[in-house]
Amino acid sequence: MAHTKAGGSTQNNRDSQAKYLGIKLYSGEKAKSGVILVRQRGTKFMPGAGVRLGKDDTIYAVREGVVKYEVKRKTKFDGAKRTVNFVSVV
């Protein structure tokens, strides 16, 4: 008879690395050039004046100023309207 218990395998103890998404600087805070304002998947927030959109949809400042968030109505090409969150540095 075997004197040791079978080792077996487990399907637990694995998890993906945290991505730390979300807003990094809020409205009214000062931003320097190059600082990240929003990390996101897709474009929940759209870039406004003084900011750019990175290839992973990260929004970052391209000039110094104060961060401003605003909601605007945007018309799509098919005539449908939707509200869009814009981030800008003024």
PDB file of N, CA and C in Angstrom:
ATOM      1  N   MET A   1       0.840  -1.189   0.000  1.00  0.00           N
ATOM      2  CA  MET A   1       0.000   0.000   0.000  1.00  0.00           C
ATOM      3  C   MET A   1       0.878   1.244   0.000  1.00  0.00           C
ATOM      4  N   ALA A   2       0.362   2.287  -0.580  1.00  0.00           N
ATOM      5  CA  ALA A   2       1.099   3.545  -0.592  1.00  0.00           C
ATOM      6  C   ALA A   2       0.990   4.204   0.775  1.00  0.00           C
ATOM      7  N   HIS A   3       2.092   4.773   1.226  1.00  0.00           N
ATOM      8  CA  HIS A   3       2.093   5.395   2.541  1.00  0.00           C
ATOM      9  C   HIS A   3       1.966   6.916   2.491  1.00  0.00           C
ATOM     10  N   THR A   4       2.039   7.508   1.281  1.00  0.00           N
ATOM     11  CA  THR A   4       1.861   8.959   1.157  1.00  0.00           C
ATOM     12  C   THR A   4       0.606   9.240   0.352  1.00  0.00           C
ATOM     13  N   LYS A   5      -0.058  10.328   0.722  1.00  0.00           N
ATOM     14  CA  LYS A   5      -1.285  10.716   0.038  1.00  0.00           C
ATOM     15  C   LYS A   5      -0.951  11.251  -1.350  1.00  0.00           C
ATOM     16  N   ALA A   6      -1.805  11.050  -2.290  1.00  0.00           N
ATOM     17  CA  ALA A   6      -1.584  11.525  -3.665  1.00  0.00           C
ATOM     18  C   ALA A   6      -1.506  13.054  -3.684  1.00  0.00           C
ATOM     19  N   GLY A   7      -0.581  13.576  -4.504  1.00  0.00           N
ATOM     20  CA  GLY A   7      -0.365  15.030  -4.566  1.00  0.00           C
ATOM     21  C   GLY A   7      -1.541  15.776  -5.144  1.00  0.00           C
ATOM     22  N   GLY A   8      -2.090  15.281  -6.220  1.00  0.00           N
ATOM     23  CA  GLY A   8      -3.224  15.946  -6.850  1.00  0.00           C
ATOM     24  C   GLY A   8      -2.823  17.256  -7.496  1.00  0.00           C
ATOM     25  N   SER A   9      -3.763  17.953  -8.044  1.00  0.00           N
ATOM     26  CA  SER A   9      -3.507  19.262  -8.640  1.00  0.00           C
ATOM     27  C   SER A   9      -4.635  20.200  -8.234  1.00  0.00           C
ATOM     28  N   THR A  10      -4.344  21.471  -8.257  1.00  0.00           N
ATOM     29  CA  THR A  10      -5.352  22.467  -7.875  1.00  0.00           C
ATOM     30  C   THR A  10      -5.579  23.429  -9.026  1.00  0.00           C
ATOM     31  N   GLN A  11      -6.769  23.993  -9.082  1.00  0.00           N
ATOM     32  CA  GLN A  11      -7.074  24.952 -10.140  1.00  0.00           C
ATOM     33  C   GLN A  11      -7.202  26.362  -9.568  1.00  0.00           C
ATOM     34  N   ASN A  12      -6.762  26.532  -8.336  1.00  0.00           N
ATOM     35  CA  ASN A  12      -6.858  27.839  -7.697  1.00  0.00           C
ATOM     36  C   ASN A  12      -5.503  28.546  -7.742  1.00  0.00           C
ATOM     37  N   ASN A  13      -5.390  29.607  -6.981  1.00  0.00           N
ATOM     38  CA  ASN A  13      -4.143  30.348  -6.782  1.00  0.00           C
ATOM     39  C   ASN A  13      -3.579  31.003  -8.031  1.00  0.00           C
ATOM     40  N   ARG A  14      -4.429  31.392  -8.939  1.00  0.00           N
ATOM     41  CA  ARG A  14      -3.987  32.153 -10.112  1.00  0.00           C
ATOM     42  C   ARG A  14      -4.903  33.350 -10.271  1.00  0.00           C
ATOM     43  N   ASP A  15      -4.317  34.485 -10.627  1.00  0.00           N
ATOM     44  CA  ASP A  15      -5.111  35.688 -10.838  1.00  0.00           C
ATOM     45  C   ASP A  15      -4.350  36.589 -11.792  1.00  0.00           C
ATOM     46  N   SER A  16      -5.059  37.423 -12.519  1.00  0.00           N
ATOM     47  CA  SER A  16      -4.399  38.334 -13.450  1.00  0.00           C
ATOM     48  C   SER A  16      -3.854  39.545 -12.692  1.00  0.00           C
ATOM     49  N   GLN A  17      -2.861  40.176 -13.271  1.00  0.00           N
ATOM     50  CA  GLN A  17      -2.246  41.363 -12.694  1.00  0.00           C
ATOM     51  C   GLN A  17      -3.255  42.514 -12.698  1.00  0.00           C
ATOM     52  N   ALA A  18      -3.335  43.269 -11.608  1.00  0.00           N
ATOM     53  CA  ALA A  18      -4.242  44.414 -11.533  1.00  0.00           C
ATOM     54  C   ALA A  18      -3.828  45.464 -12.550  1.00  0.00           C
ATOM     55  N   LYS A  19      -4.779  46.096 -13.218  1.00  0.00           N
ATOM     56  CA  LYS A  19      -4.487  47.051 -14.292  1.00  0.00           C
ATOM     57  C   LYS A  19      -4.535  48.509 -13.832  1.00  0.00           C
ATOM     58  N   TYR A  20      -5.083  48.775 -12.670  1.00  0.00           N
ATOM     59  CA  TYR A  20      -5.119  50.130 -12.094  1.00  0.00           C
ATOM     60  C   TYR A  20      -5.709  51.147 -13.065  1.00  0.00           C
ATOM     61  N   LEU A  21      -6.899  50.855 -13.575  1.00  0.00           N
ATOM     62  CA  LEU A  21      -7.577  51.754 -14.502  1.00  0.00           C
ATOM     63  C   LEU A  21      -8.327  52.830 -13.724  1.00  0.00           C
ATOM     64  N   GLY A  22      -8.745  53.884 -14.437  1.00  0.00           N
ATOM     65  CA  GLY A  22      -9.577  54.904 -13.832  1.00  0.00           C
ATOM     66  C   GLY A  22      -8.994  56.298 -13.951  1.00  0.00           C
ATOM     67  N   ILE A  23      -9.634  57.234 -13.281  1.00  0.00           N
ATOM     68  CA  ILE A  23      -9.232  58.631 -13.319  1.00  0.00           C
ATOM     69  C   ILE A  23      -8.059  58.833 -12.370  1.00  0.00           C
ATOM     70  N   LYS A  24      -7.004  59.467 -12.860  1.00  0.00           N
ATOM     71  CA  LYS A  24      -5.806  59.704 -12.056  1.00  0.00           C
ATOM     72  C   LYS A  24      -5.746  61.139 -11.523  1.00  0.00           C
ATOM     73  N   LEU A  25      -6.253  62.104 -12.282  1.00  0.00           N
ATOM     74  CA  LEU A  25      -6.352  63.488 -11.818  1.00  0.00           C
ATOM     75  C   LEU A  25      -7.796  63.948 -12.001  1.00  0.00           C
ATOM     76  N   TYR A  26      -8.355  64.546 -10.969  1.00  0.00           N
ATOM     77  CA  TYR A  26      -9.746  64.974 -11.015  1.00  0.00           C
ATOM     78  C   TYR A  26      -9.863  66.429 -11.448  1.00  0.00           C
ATOM     79  N   SER A  27     -11.087  66.860 -11.687  1.00  0.00           N
ATOM     80  CA  SER A  27     -11.364  68.210 -12.148  1.00  0.00           C
ATOM     81  C   SER A  27     -10.877  69.236 -11.134  1.00  0.00           C
ATOM     82  N   GLY A  28     -10.190  70.263 -11.628  1.00  0.00           N
ATOM     83  CA  GLY A  28      -9.679  71.312 -10.766  1.00  0.00           C
ATOM     84  C   GLY A  28      -8.245  71.106 -10.329  1.00  0.00           C
ATOM     85  N   GLU A  29      -7.688  69.915 -10.531  1.00  0.00           N
ATOM     86  CA  GLU A  29      -6.308  69.654 -10.145  1.00  0.00           C
ATOM     87  C   GLU A  29      -5.357  70.131 -11.247  1.00  0.00           C
ATOM     88  N   LYS A  30      -4.148  70.511 -10.849  1.00  0.00           N
ATOM     89  CA  LYS A  30      -3.159  70.985 -11.804  1.00  0.00           C
ATOM     90  C   LYS A  30      -2.448  69.813 -12.451  1.00  0.00           C
ATOM     91  N   ALA A  31      -2.217  69.920 -13.758  1.00  0.00           N
ATOM     92  CA  ALA A  31      -1.551  68.855 -14.510  1.00  0.00           C
ATOM     93  C   ALA A  31      -0.332  69.423 -15.217  1.00  0.00           C
ATOM     94  N   LYS A  32       0.757  68.672 -15.162  1.00  0.00           N
ATOM     95  CA  LYS A  32       1.945  69.026 -15.925  1.00  0.00           C
ATOM     96  C   LYS A  32       1.894  68.307 -17.268  1.00  0.00           C
ATOM     97  N   SER A  33       2.721  68.729 -18.193  1.00  0.00           N
ATOM     98  CA  SER A  33       2.775  68.108 -19.508  1.00  0.00           C
ATOM     99  C   SER A  33       3.255  66.661 -19.388  1.00  0.00           C
ATOM    100  N   GLY A  34       2.545  65.747 -20.028  1.00  0.00           N
ATOM    101  CA  GLY A  34       2.929  64.348 -20.044  1.00  0.00           C
ATOM    102  C   GLY A  34       2.302  63.502 -18.956  1.00  0.00           C
ATOM    103  N   VAL A  35       1.634  64.114 -17.991  1.00  0.00           N
ATOM    104  CA  VAL A  35       1.048  63.346 -16.895  1.00  0.00           C
ATOM    105  C   VAL A  35      -0.230  62.645 -17.374  1.00  0.00           C
ATOM    106  N   ILE A  36      -0.467  61.435 -16.851  1.00  0.00           N
ATOM    107  CA  ILE A  36      -1.639  60.647 -17.242  1.00  0.00           C
ATOM    108  C   ILE A  36      -2.862  61.134 -16.469  1.00  0.00           C
ATOM    109  N   LEU A  37      -3.949  61.373 -17.195  1.00  0.00           N
ATOM    110  CA  LEU A  37      -5.198  61.836 -16.582  1.00  0.00           C
ATOM    111  C   LEU A  37      -6.180  60.690 -16.371  1.00  0.00           C
ATOM    112  N   VAL A  38      -6.329  59.827 -17.388  1.00  0.00           N
ATOM    113  CA  VAL A  38      -7.282  58.721 -17.312  1.00  0.00           C
ATOM    114  C   VAL A  38      -6.672  57.489 -17.968  1.00  0.00           C
ATOM    115  N   ARG A  39      -6.751  56.340 -17.278  1.00  0.00           N
ATOM    116  CA  ARG A  39      -6.422  55.050 -17.894  1.00  0.00           C
ATOM    117  C   ARG A  39      -7.738  54.326 -18.102  1.00  0.00           C
ATOM    118  N   GLN A  40      -7.968  53.823 -19.322  1.00  0.00           N
ATOM    119  CA  GLN A  40      -9.267  53.255 -19.648  1.00  0.00           C
ATOM    120  C   GLN A  40      -9.137  52.174 -20.711  1.00  0.00           C
ATOM    121  N   ARG A  41     -10.161  51.369 -20.823  1.00  0.00           N
ATOM    122  CA  ARG A  41     -10.292  50.394 -21.899  1.00  0.00           C
ATOM    123  C   ARG A  41     -11.419  50.884 -22.789  1.00  0.00           C
ATOM    124  N   GLY A  42     -11.107  51.218 -24.028  1.00  0.00           N
ATOM    125  CA  GLY A  42     -12.085  51.873 -24.883  1.00  0.00           C
ATOM    126  C   GLY A  42     -12.098  53.350 -24.561  1.00  0.00           C
ATOM    127  N   THR A  43     -12.986  54.097 -25.178  1.00  0.00           N
ATOM    128  CA  THR A  43     -13.009  55.547 -24.967  1.00  0.00           C
ATOM    129  C   THR A  43     -14.252  55.952 -24.177  1.00  0.00           C
ATOM    130  N   LYS A  44     -14.263  55.652 -22.880  1.00  0.00           N
ATOM    131  CA  LYS A  44     -15.318  56.161 -21.999  1.00  0.00           C
ATOM    132  C   LYS A  44     -15.182  57.670 -21.887  1.00  0.00           C
ATOM    133  N   PHE A  45     -13.930  58.150 -21.891  1.00  0.00           N
ATOM    134  CA  PHE A  45     -13.635  59.577 -21.883  1.00  0.00           C
ATOM    135  C   PHE A  45     -12.948  59.916 -23.194  1.00  0.00           C
ATOM    136  N   MET A  46     -13.345  61.043 -23.792  1.00  0.00           N
ATOM    137  CA  MET A  46     -12.761  61.482 -25.058  1.00  0.00           C
ATOM    138  C   MET A  46     -11.799  62.633 -24.785  1.00  0.00           C
ATOM    139  N   PRO A  47     -10.758  62.778 -25.606  1.00  0.00           N
ATOM    140  CA  PRO A  47      -9.805  63.868 -25.403  1.00  0.00           C
ATOM    141  C   PRO A  47     -10.362  65.205 -25.885  1.00  0.00           C
ATOM    142  N   GLY A  48     -10.139  66.242 -25.088  1.00  0.00           N
ATOM    143  CA  GLY A  48     -10.532  67.597 -25.463  1.00  0.00           C
ATOM    144  C   GLY A  48      -9.299  68.431 -25.755  1.00  0.00           C
ATOM    145  N   ALA A  49      -9.335  69.703 -25.383  1.00  0.00           N
ATOM    146  CA  ALA A  49      -8.217  70.614 -25.639  1.00  0.00           C
ATOM    147  C   ALA A  49      -7.082  70.339 -24.668  1.00  0.00           C
ATOM    148  N   GLY A  50      -5.860  70.310 -25.183  1.00  0.00           N
ATOM    149  CA  GLY A  50      -4.687  70.175 -24.341  1.00  0.00           C
ATOM    150  C   GLY A  50      -4.370  68.761 -23.892  1.00  0.00           C
ATOM    151  N   VAL A  51      -5.075  67.765 -24.428  1.00  0.00           N
ATOM    152  CA  VAL A  51      -4.797  66.370 -24.088  1.00  0.00           C
ATOM    153  C   VAL A  51      -4.757  65.529 -25.359  1.00  0.00           C
ATOM    154  N   ARG A  52      -4.142  64.356 -25.262  1.00  0.00           N
ATOM    155  CA  ARG A  52      -4.064  63.427 -26.390  1.00  0.00           C
ATOM    156  C   ARG A  52      -4.501  62.042 -25.936  1.00  0.00           C
ATOM    157  N   LEU A  53      -4.748  61.185 -26.914  1.00  0.00           N
ATOM    158  CA  LEU A  53      -5.174  59.821 -26.662  1.00  0.00           C
ATOM    159  C   LEU A  53      -4.051  58.873 -27.044  1.00  0.00           C
ATOM    160  N   GLY A  54      -3.585  58.058 -26.092  1.00  0.00           N
ATOM    161  CA  GLY A  54      -2.532  57.081 -26.355  1.00  0.00           C
ATOM    162  C   GLY A  54      -3.079  55.874 -27.090  1.00  0.00           C
ATOM    163  N   LYS A  55      -2.185  54.972 -27.515  1.00  0.00           N
ATOM    164  CA  LYS A  55      -2.621  53.810 -28.301  1.00  0.00           C
ATOM    165  C   LYS A  55      -3.427  52.813 -27.480  1.00  0.00           C
ATOM    166  N   ASP A  56      -3.281  52.839 -26.157  1.00  0.00           N
ATOM    167  CA  ASP A  56      -4.108  51.983 -25.301  1.00  0.00           C
ATOM    168  C   ASP A  56      -5.275  52.771 -24.707  1.00  0.00           C
ATOM    169  N   ASP A  57      -5.663  53.866 -25.363  1.00  0.00           N
ATOM    170  CA  ASP A  57      -6.783  54.739 -24.988  1.00  0.00           C
ATOM    171  C   ASP A  57      -6.534  55.523 -23.704  1.00  0.00           C
ATOM    172  N   THR A  58      -5.276  55.611 -23.279  1.00  0.00           N
ATOM    173  CA  THR A  58      -4.919  56.437 -22.129  1.00  0.00           C
ATOM    174  C   THR A  58      -4.954  57.902 -22.532  1.00  0.00           C
ATOM    175  N   ILE A  59      -5.539  58.739 -21.690  1.00  0.00           N
ATOM    176  CA  ILE A  59      -5.581  60.181 -21.955  1.00  0.00           C
ATOM    177  C   ILE A  59      -4.504  60.856 -21.118  1.00  0.00           C
ATOM    178  N   TYR A  60      -3.649  61.651 -21.774  1.00  0.00           N
ATOM    179  CA  TYR A  60      -2.553  62.333 -21.088  1.00  0.00           C
ATOM    180  C   TYR A  60      -2.492  63.786 -21.516  1.00  0.00           C
ATOM    181  N   ALA A  61      -1.925  64.618 -20.657  1.00  0.00           N
ATOM    182  CA  ALA A  61      -1.844  66.057 -20.911  1.00  0.00           C
ATOM    183  C   ALA A  61      -0.667  66.364 -21.835  1.00  0.00           C
ATOM    184  N   VAL A  62      -0.840  67.349 -22.717  1.00  0.00           N
ATOM    185  CA  VAL A  62       0.256  67.789 -23.586  1.00  0.00           C
ATOM    186  C   VAL A  62       0.699  69.208 -23.245  1.00  0.00           C
ATOM    187  N   ARG A  63       0.049  69.813 -22.251  1.00  0.00           N
ATOM    188  CA  ARG A  63       0.472  71.132 -21.771  1.00  0.00           C
ATOM    189  C   ARG A  63       0.083  71.277 -20.304  1.00  0.00           C
ATOM    190  N   GLU A  64       0.686  72.261 -19.643  1.00  0.00           N
ATOM    191  CA  GLU A  64       0.359  72.524 -18.243  1.00  0.00           C
ATOM    192  C   GLU A  64      -0.973  73.244 -18.137  1.00  0.00           C
ATOM    193  N   GLY A  65      -1.680  72.985 -17.056  1.00  0.00           N
ATOM    194  CA  GLY A  65      -2.942  73.667 -16.839  1.00  0.00           C
ATOM    195  C   GLY A  65      -3.781  72.956 -15.796  1.00  0.00           C
ATOM    196  N   VAL A  66      -5.054  73.303 -15.775  1.00  0.00           N
ATOM    197  CA  VAL A  66      -6.002  72.734 -14.821  1.00  0.00           C
ATOM    198  C   VAL A  66      -6.908  71.752 -15.561  1.00  0.00           C
ATOM    199  N   VAL A  67      -7.112  70.583 -14.967  1.00  0.00           N
ATOM    200  CA  VAL A  67      -7.930  69.536 -15.580  1.00  0.00           C
ATOM    201  C   VAL A  67      -9.405  69.933 -15.508  1.00  0.00           C
ATOM    202  N   LYS A  68     -10.116  69.660 -16.607  1.00  0.00           N
ATOM    203  CA  LYS A  68     -11.541  69.989 -16.678  1.00  0.00           C
ATOM    204  C   LYS A  68     -12.286  68.821 -17.319  1.00  0.00           C
ATOM    205  N   TYR A  69     -13.337  68.337 -16.653  1.00  0.00           N
ATOM    206  CA  TYR A  69     -14.194  67.286 -17.196  1.00  0.00           C
ATOM    207  C   TYR A  69     -15.535  67.916 -17.552  1.00  0.00           C
ATOM    208  N   GLU A  70     -16.078  67.564 -18.711  1.00  0.00           N
ATOM    209  CA  GLU A  70     -17.387  68.088 -19.099  1.00  0.00           C
ATOM    210  C   GLU A  70     -18.136  67.061 -19.933  1.00  0.00           C
ATOM    211  N   VAL A  71     -19.457  67.143 -19.882  1.00  0.00           N
ATOM    212  CA  VAL A  71     -20.324  66.248 -20.633  1.00  0.00           C
ATOM    213  C   VAL A  71     -20.938  67.042 -21.771  1.00  0.00           C
ATOM    214  N   LYS A  72     -20.783  66.544 -22.995  1.00  0.00           N
ATOM    215  CA  LYS A  72     -21.344  67.209 -24.166  1.00  0.00           C
ATOM    216  C   LYS A  72     -22.206  66.233 -24.946  1.00  0.00           C
ATOM    217  N   ARG A  73     -23.144  66.766 -25.710  1.00  0.00           N
ATOM    218  CA  ARG A  73     -23.949  65.942 -26.597  1.00  0.00           C
ATOM    219  C   ARG A  73     -23.261  65.909 -27.957  1.00  0.00           C
ATOM    220  N   LYS A  74     -23.106  64.725 -28.492  1.00  0.00           N
ATOM    221  CA  LYS A  74     -22.418  64.557 -29.762  1.00  0.00           C
ATOM    222  C   LYS A  74     -23.349  63.863 -30.741  1.00  0.00           C
ATOM    223  N   THR A  75     -23.373  64.327 -31.990  1.00  0.00           N
ATOM    224  CA  THR A  75     -24.194  63.724 -33.019  1.00  0.00           C
ATOM    225  C   THR A  75     -23.347  62.769 -33.839  1.00  0.00           C
ATOM    226  N   LYS A  76     -23.810  61.532 -33.949  1.00  0.00           N
ATOM    227  CA  LYS A  76     -23.112  60.546 -34.765  1.00  0.00           C
ATOM    228  C   LYS A  76     -23.424  60.785 -36.233  1.00  0.00           C
ATOM    229  N   PHE A  77     -22.745  60.042 -37.108  1.00  0.00           N
ATOM    230  CA  PHE A  77     -22.949  60.228 -38.551  1.00  0.00           C
ATOM    231  C   PHE A  77     -24.322  59.752 -39.009  1.00  0.00           C
ATOM    232  N   ASP A  78     -24.957  58.860 -38.255  1.00  0.00           N
ATOM    233  CA  ASP A  78     -26.296  58.396 -38.629  1.00  0.00           C
ATOM    234  C   ASP A  78     -27.395  59.274 -38.027  1.00  0.00           C
ATOM    235  N   GLY A  79     -27.008  60.388 -37.379  1.00  0.00           N
ATOM    236  CA  GLY A  79     -27.974  61.313 -36.815  1.00  0.00           C
ATOM    237  C   GLY A  79     -28.314  61.043 -35.357  1.00  0.00           C
ATOM    238  N   ALA A  80     -27.872  59.915 -34.829  1.00  0.00           N
ATOM    239  CA  ALA A  80     -28.156  59.590 -33.428  1.00  0.00           C
ATOM    240  C   ALA A  80     -27.319  60.488 -32.525  1.00  0.00           C
ATOM    241  N   LYS A  81     -27.907  60.870 -31.396  1.00  0.00           N
ATOM    242  CA  LYS A  81     -27.202  61.726 -30.445  1.00  0.00           C
ATOM    243  C   LYS A  81     -26.853  60.913 -29.206  1.00  0.00           C
ATOM    244  N   ARG A  82     -25.702  61.217 -28.616  1.00  0.00           N
ATOM    245  CA  ARG A  82     -25.290  60.571 -27.375  1.00  0.00           C
ATOM    246  C   ARG A  82     -24.499  61.541 -26.535  1.00  0.00           C
ATOM    247  N   THR A  83     -24.445  61.288 -25.231  1.00  0.00           N
ATOM    248  CA  THR A  83     -23.649  62.136 -24.354  1.00  0.00           C
ATOM    249  C   THR A  83     -22.253  61.553 -24.239  1.00  0.00           C
ATOM    250  N   VAL A  84     -21.250  62.431 -24.268  1.00  0.00           N
ATOM    251  CA  VAL A  84     -19.860  62.015 -24.255  1.00  0.00           C
ATOM    252  C   VAL A  84     -19.136  62.787 -23.158  1.00  0.00           C
ATOM    253  N   ASN A  85     -18.278  62.083 -22.400  1.00  0.00           N
ATOM    254  CA  ASN A  85     -17.450  62.720 -21.385  1.00  0.00           C
ATOM    255  C   ASN A  85     -16.151  63.183 -22.033  1.00  0.00           C
ATOM    256  N   PHE A  86     -15.851  64.465 -21.911  1.00  0.00           N
ATOM    257  CA  PHE A  86     -14.635  65.034 -22.457  1.00  0.00           C
ATOM    258  C   PHE A  86     -13.696  65.446 -21.325  1.00  0.00           C
ATOM    259  N   VAL A  87     -12.401  65.251 -21.550  1.00  0.00           N
ATOM    260  CA  VAL A  87     -11.362  65.674 -20.613  1.00  0.00           C
ATOM    261  C   VAL A  87     -10.492  66.682 -21.340  1.00  0.00           C
ATOM    262  N   SER A  88     -10.210  67.809 -20.682  1.00  0.00           N
ATOM    263  CA  SER A  88      -9.348  68.810 -21.289  1.00  0.00           C
ATOM    264  C   SER A  88      -8.464  69.450 -20.207  1.00  0.00           C
ATOM    265  N   VAL A  89      -7.384  70.083 -20.671  1.00  0.00           N
ATOM    266  CA  VAL A  89      -6.493  70.814 -19.780  1.00  0.00           C
ATOM    267  C   VAL A  89      -6.473  72.247 -20.285  1.00  0.00           C
ATOM    268  N   VAL A  90      -6.943  73.172 -19.444  1.00  0.00           N
ATOM    269  CA  VAL A  90      -7.007  74.593 -19.836  1.00  0.00           C
ATOM    270  C   VAL A  90      -6.204  75.447 -18.900  1.00  0.00           C
TER     271      VAL A  90
END
